[in-house]
Protein backbone atom coordinates (compact mmCIF):
# COMPACT_ATOMS: atom_id res chain seq x y z
CA MET A 1 17.53 -17.37 11.83
CA GLU A 2 16.92 -16.09 8.32
CA LYS A 3 19.97 -14.95 6.35
CA THR A 4 19.42 -12.96 3.16
CA ILE A 5 21.99 -13.42 0.40
CA HIS A 6 22.40 -12.06 -3.13
CA SER A 7 23.13 -14.44 -6.00
CA LYS A 8 25.09 -13.75 -9.17
CA SER A 9 23.32 -12.60 -12.29
CA GLY A 10 22.41 -15.52 -14.50
CA TRP A 11 22.98 -13.80 -17.83
CA LEU A 12 26.80 -13.89 -17.67
CA MET A 13 26.80 -17.55 -16.68
CA LEU A 14 24.25 -18.28 -19.41
CA THR A 15 26.64 -16.79 -22.00
CA LEU A 16 29.51 -18.86 -20.60
CA ASP A 17 27.37 -21.99 -20.60
CA ILE A 18 26.40 -21.50 -24.24
CA LEU A 19 30.09 -21.16 -25.14
CA LEU A 20 30.83 -24.37 -23.23
CA LEU A 21 28.09 -26.15 -25.14
CA ALA A 22 29.42 -24.96 -28.49
CA GLY A 23 33.01 -25.80 -27.53
CA GLY A 24 32.11 -29.24 -26.20
CA ILE A 25 30.20 -30.17 -29.34
CA PHE A 26 33.03 -28.87 -31.56
CA LEU A 27 35.72 -30.81 -29.70
CA LEU A 28 33.67 -33.99 -29.60
CA VAL A 29 32.77 -33.93 -33.30
CA ASP A 30 36.25 -32.81 -34.43
CA GLY A 31 37.94 -35.35 -32.18
CA ILE A 32 35.84 -38.16 -33.64
CA ASN A 33 36.48 -37.02 -37.21
CA LYS A 34 40.23 -36.60 -36.71
CA ASP A 35 40.53 -39.44 -34.20
CA ILE A 36 42.28 -37.24 -31.63
CA LEU A 37 42.05 -38.80 -28.17
CA TRP A 38 42.30 -35.68 -26.01
CA MET A 39 39.58 -33.96 -28.00
CA LYS A 40 37.30 -36.99 -27.67
CA ILE A 41 37.86 -36.86 -23.88
CA ALA A 42 37.66 -33.07 -23.49
CA GLY A 43 34.43 -32.79 -25.49
CA PRO A 44 32.26 -34.95 -23.14
CA VAL A 45 33.88 -33.37 -20.07
CA ILE A 46 32.98 -29.88 -21.29
CA LEU A 47 29.47 -31.02 -22.15
CA LEU A 48 29.10 -32.50 -18.66
CA THR A 49 30.24 -29.17 -17.21
CA PHE A 50 27.60 -27.47 -19.36
CA PHE A 51 24.81 -29.60 -17.86
CA ILE A 52 26.11 -29.11 -14.30
CA ILE A 53 26.16 -25.32 -14.74
CA LEU A 54 22.71 -25.46 -16.31
CA VAL A 55 21.23 -26.81 -13.05
CA GLY A 56 22.33 -23.68 -11.19
CA PHE A 57 20.04 -21.26 -13.06
CA MET A 58 16.91 -20.01 -11.33
CA ALA A 59 14.27 -17.35 -12.05
CA ILE A 60 12.60 -15.67 -9.08
CA GLU A 61 9.33 -13.81 -9.48
CA PRO A 62 8.49 -10.66 -7.47
CA ASN A 63 7.48 -11.41 -3.87
CA SER A 64 8.98 -14.88 -4.07
CA SER A 65 12.12 -16.35 -2.52
CA ARG A 66 14.45 -19.35 -2.71
CA VAL A 67 15.75 -21.02 0.43
CA LEU A 68 19.18 -22.49 -0.35
CA ASN A 69 20.44 -25.60 1.39
CA LEU A 70 23.84 -27.26 0.78
CA PHE A 71 24.06 -30.90 1.88
CA GLY A 72 21.69 -30.33 4.82
CA GLU A 73 23.14 -26.98 5.91
CA TYR A 74 21.13 -23.77 5.52
CA THR A 75 23.04 -21.33 3.34
CA GLY A 76 20.69 -18.38 2.98
CA THR A 77 17.60 -17.00 1.29
CA VAL A 78 17.48 -15.13 -2.01
CA LYS A 79 14.63 -12.59 -2.04
CA ASP A 80 15.66 -10.56 -5.11
CA SER A 81 13.55 -11.00 -8.22
CA GLY A 82 15.21 -11.76 -11.55
CA PHE A 83 17.38 -14.35 -13.28
CA PHE A 84 20.25 -15.75 -11.16
CA TRP A 85 22.83 -18.49 -10.98
CA THR A 86 23.86 -20.29 -7.81
CA ASN A 87 25.90 -23.29 -6.86
CA PRO A 88 24.40 -26.21 -8.82
CA PHE A 89 24.65 -28.42 -5.73
CA TYR A 90 22.32 -26.19 -3.72
CA SER A 91 18.89 -27.59 -3.03
CA ARG A 92 16.35 -24.81 -3.54
CA LYS A 93 12.94 -24.47 -1.90
CA ASN A 94 10.44 -21.97 -3.26
CA ILE A 95 8.60 -19.95 -0.59
CA SER A 96 6.15 -17.24 -1.62
CA LEU A 97 6.27 -13.89 0.19
CA ARG A 98 2.86 -12.82 -1.11
CA ALA A 99 -0.11 -12.19 1.17
CA ASN A 100 -2.43 -15.19 1.47
CA ASN A 101 -6.13 -15.12 2.24
CA MET A 102 -7.49 -18.13 4.14
CA ASP A 103 -11.23 -18.43 4.72
CA THR A 104 -11.82 -21.15 7.31
CA GLU A 105 -14.87 -23.35 7.03
CA PRO A 106 -17.47 -22.67 9.77
CA ILE A 107 -16.84 -25.02 12.68
CA LYS A 108 -19.15 -25.99 15.52
CA VAL A 109 -17.95 -24.97 18.97
CA ASN A 110 -19.48 -24.10 22.34
CA ASP A 111 -19.44 -20.53 23.55
CA LYS A 112 -18.65 -19.44 27.11
CA HIS A 113 -22.05 -20.62 28.37
CA GLY A 114 -22.06 -23.91 26.48
CA ASN A 115 -24.33 -22.87 23.60
CA PRO A 116 -23.34 -24.60 20.32
CA ILE A 117 -22.50 -22.05 17.63
CA MET A 118 -21.07 -22.06 14.11
CA ILE A 119 -18.10 -19.74 13.66
CA GLY A 120 -15.62 -19.06 10.88
CA ALA A 121 -12.95 -16.46 10.19
CA VAL A 122 -10.80 -14.95 7.46
CA VAL A 123 -7.06 -14.83 8.15
CA VAL A 124 -4.75 -12.72 5.95
CA TRP A 125 -1.12 -13.81 6.39
CA ARG A 126 2.28 -13.97 4.70
CA VAL A 127 5.70 -15.48 5.32
CA LYS A 128 8.02 -13.12 7.16
CA ASP A 129 10.88 -15.47 8.16
CA THR A 130 11.67 -18.00 5.41
CA PHE A 131 14.04 -19.98 7.64
CA LYS A 132 11.30 -20.70 10.21
CA ALA A 133 8.76 -21.42 7.47
CA ALA A 134 11.09 -23.92 5.80
CA PHE A 135 12.63 -25.61 8.84
CA GLY A 136 10.53 -24.58 11.87
CA VAL A 137 7.50 -26.67 10.90
CA ASP A 138 6.88 -29.59 8.57
CA ASN A 139 4.34 -27.81 6.33
CA TYR A 140 3.78 -24.15 7.09
CA GLN A 141 0.57 -23.85 5.03
CA SER A 142 -1.07 -26.76 6.84
CA PHE A 143 0.26 -25.34 10.12
CA VAL A 144 -1.46 -22.00 9.45
CA LYS A 145 -4.81 -23.71 8.80
CA THR A 146 -4.68 -25.95 11.87
CA GLN A 147 -3.51 -23.27 14.30
CA SER A 148 -6.02 -20.73 12.99
CA GLU A 149 -8.88 -23.14 13.67
CA ALA A 150 -7.49 -23.85 17.14
CA ALA A 151 -7.35 -20.11 17.88
CA ILE A 152 -10.96 -19.70 16.71
CA ARG A 153 -12.09 -22.51 19.00
CA LYS A 154 -10.32 -20.96 21.96
CA LEU A 155 -11.77 -17.53 21.24
CA ALA A 156 -15.32 -18.86 20.87
CA GLY A 157 -15.04 -20.66 24.23
CA SER A 158 -13.88 -17.48 25.98
CA PHE A 159 -16.88 -15.28 25.18
CA ALA A 160 -20.66 -15.54 25.06
CA TYR A 161 -22.50 -15.36 21.75
CA ASP A 162 -24.65 -12.47 23.03
CA ASN A 163 -25.79 -10.91 26.29
CA PHE A 164 -29.52 -11.69 26.15
CA GLU A 165 -29.28 -14.04 29.13
CA HIS A 166 -26.20 -12.56 30.77
CA GLU A 167 -26.43 -8.77 30.62
CA THR A 168 -23.19 -8.36 32.58
CA GLU A 169 -21.10 -9.66 29.67
CA GLU A 170 -18.92 -6.75 28.48
CA ILE A 171 -17.64 -8.43 25.29
CA THR A 172 -19.72 -10.79 23.17
CA LEU A 173 -19.01 -12.43 19.85
CA ARG A 174 -22.03 -10.86 18.17
CA SER A 175 -21.87 -7.31 19.51
CA ASN A 176 -18.14 -6.58 19.77
CA SER A 177 -16.77 -7.59 16.37
CA THR A 178 -13.82 -5.17 16.47
CA GLU A 179 -12.59 -6.25 19.90
CA VAL A 180 -13.11 -9.93 19.05
CA SER A 181 -11.18 -9.58 15.77
CA ASP A 182 -8.28 -7.89 17.57
CA LEU A 183 -8.11 -10.65 20.18
CA LEU A 184 -8.29 -13.30 17.46
CA GLU A 185 -5.45 -11.63 15.54
CA GLN A 186 -3.30 -11.58 18.67
CA GLU A 187 -4.02 -15.25 19.40
CA VAL A 188 -3.30 -16.38 15.83
CA SER A 189 -0.09 -14.30 15.67
CA GLU A 190 1.27 -15.92 18.82
CA ARG A 191 0.54 -19.40 17.49
CA LEU A 192 2.07 -18.80 14.04
CA ALA A 193 5.24 -17.06 15.24
CA ILE A 194 7.05 -20.41 15.41
CA ALA A 195 6.55 -20.79 11.63
CA GLY A 196 7.73 -17.26 10.79
CA ILE A 197 4.24 -16.17 9.72
CA GLU A 198 3.06 -12.56 9.96
CA VAL A 199 -0.69 -12.11 10.48
CA ILE A 200 -1.91 -9.03 8.61
CA GLU A 201 -5.59 -9.15 9.52
CA THR A 202 -8.23 -11.45 11.00
CA ARG A 203 -11.99 -11.03 11.12
CA LEU A 204 -15.01 -13.22 11.73
CA SER A 205 -16.69 -14.24 8.49
CA HIS A 206 -19.47 -16.45 9.89
CA LEU A 207 -21.26 -16.42 13.23
CA ALA A 208 -24.57 -18.13 13.99
CA TYR A 209 -26.20 -20.50 16.42
CA ALA A 210 -25.93 -24.19 15.55
CA THR A 211 -28.89 -25.72 13.72
CA GLU A 212 -30.22 -27.66 16.72
CA ILE A 213 -30.82 -24.52 18.81
CA ALA A 214 -31.23 -21.87 16.12
CA GLY A 215 -35.05 -22.06 16.22
CA ALA A 216 -35.25 -21.75 20.00
CA MET A 217 -32.78 -18.87 20.06
CA LEU A 218 -34.72 -17.07 17.31
CA GLN A 219 -37.92 -17.35 19.36
CA ARG A 220 -36.05 -15.99 22.38
CA GLN A 221 -34.77 -13.02 20.40
CA GLN A 222 -38.23 -12.36 19.01
CA ALA A 223 -39.74 -12.50 22.50
CA THR A 224 -37.09 -10.09 23.78
CA ALA A 225 -37.80 -7.70 20.93
CA ILE A 226 -41.57 -7.88 21.54
CA ILE A 227 -41.11 -7.18 25.26
CA ALA A 228 -38.86 -4.20 24.51
CA ALA A 229 -41.38 -2.83 21.99
CA ARG A 230 -44.27 -3.30 24.43
CA SER A 231 -42.34 -1.49 27.14
CA LYS A 232 -41.85 1.48 24.82
CA ILE A 233 -45.55 1.48 23.88
CA VAL A 234 -46.69 1.39 27.51
CA GLU A 235 -44.22 4.12 28.46
CA GLY A 236 -45.51 6.34 25.67
CA ALA A 237 -49.16 5.60 26.47
CA VAL A 238 -48.70 6.55 30.12
CA GLY A 239 -47.18 9.86 29.07
CA MET A 240 -50.06 10.57 26.68
CA VAL A 241 -52.68 9.77 29.35
CA GLU A 242 -50.94 12.04 31.83
CA MET A 243 -50.85 14.83 29.23
CA ALA A 244 -54.56 14.33 28.38
CA LEU A 245 -55.69 14.47 32.02
CA GLU A 246 -53.54 17.50 32.69
CA SER A 247 -54.90 19.35 29.64
CA LEU A 248 -58.53 18.57 30.52
CA SER A 249 -58.06 19.77 34.08
CA LYS A 250 -56.06 22.87 33.13
CA ASN A 251 -58.53 24.08 30.48
CA ASN A 252 -61.63 23.17 32.57
CA VAL A 253 -63.05 21.15 29.70
CA VAL A 254 -64.68 18.64 32.03
CA GLN A 255 -64.52 17.84 35.74
CA LEU A 256 -63.90 14.15 36.47
CA ASP A 257 -64.01 12.44 39.81
CA GLU A 258 -61.50 9.75 40.68
CA GLU A 259 -63.73 6.94 39.46
CA ARG A 260 -64.25 8.58 36.07
CA LYS A 261 -60.55 9.35 35.80
CA ALA A 262 -59.77 5.68 36.42
CA ALA A 263 -62.27 4.65 33.72
CA MET A 264 -60.82 7.17 31.28
CA VAL A 265 -57.27 6.02 32.00
CA SER A 266 -58.31 2.41 31.47
CA ASN A 267 -59.99 3.18 28.15
CA LEU A 268 -57.07 5.27 26.88
CA MET A 269 -54.52 2.62 27.84
CA VAL A 270 -56.54 -0.04 26.02
CA VAL A 271 -56.80 2.14 22.91
CA LEU A 272 -53.15 3.21 22.89
CA CYS A 273 -51.67 -0.21 23.71
CA SER A 274 -53.95 -2.28 21.49
CA GLU A 275 -52.54 -3.83 18.31
CA ARG A 276 -55.79 -3.08 16.46
CA SER A 277 -57.45 0.23 15.68
CA ALA A 278 -60.07 1.33 18.20
CA THR A 279 -63.79 1.34 17.17
CA PRO A 280 -65.43 4.63 18.26
CA VAL A 281 -68.73 4.55 20.21
CA LEU A 282 -70.90 7.67 20.45
CA ASN A 283 -72.53 8.33 23.83
CA THR A 284 -75.52 10.77 23.45
CA GLY A 285 -76.63 10.48 27.07
CA SER A 286 -75.43 12.28 30.16
CA LEU A 287 -71.98 11.82 31.63
CA TYR A 288 -73.47 9.79 34.50
């Protein structure tokens, strides 16, 4: 479990270290000049102490941390920003606490109904527990990438791309982006918890049919759109024919028997449903 600690300010130790450097040099040079044994011994010892203390200095930027480890034992994590000094024998591992943005490359997977699709996502994450990130996994950045792709594969296999063929599908990858993103965030968070990673946001960044079926699926979508448009046209044409017959009968413009009504309905439906403009024909003879 993560343990936050506070290190000593480095400025006081830096002053002390500079004094040790000056004193060590003075004793070494003066001892050599005056041939005084204890000064020739004390000078190198003080200089050695200077270099040992020098190793303990560390500068931590904002939203960064240092995980301290003493001979294989976890000591704590320093999250304060500034200039500090710690035990020179600590091993220090730098772990960033900043938010990271990972855009996965589109990968080919099969959706719920076996259709090959290309899908990619953006995952915004940051380290929340430095102990788990440092010691829970071997490489937490690589772990995030691998587990995010695994979560995307699982999500894509759980839902259909769309509901053109299966109208009973309540959630699809294409139509329910908010629900899909929430489920993906939950899945990624559960997988990355072992590494002490907090998932801030996930969303799909790429979604399309695979190349080998993209053409066929495009034709299917176009056919569906054409059928829907035709249905609307026919529905509107029927309403207009009904209105025309009702107006003619109500205003006594002309009396039509059933055969003539059928002919009129047929002509109006052809005119209203045709893709081309109708060509008018003038009839100067009698109605019959």
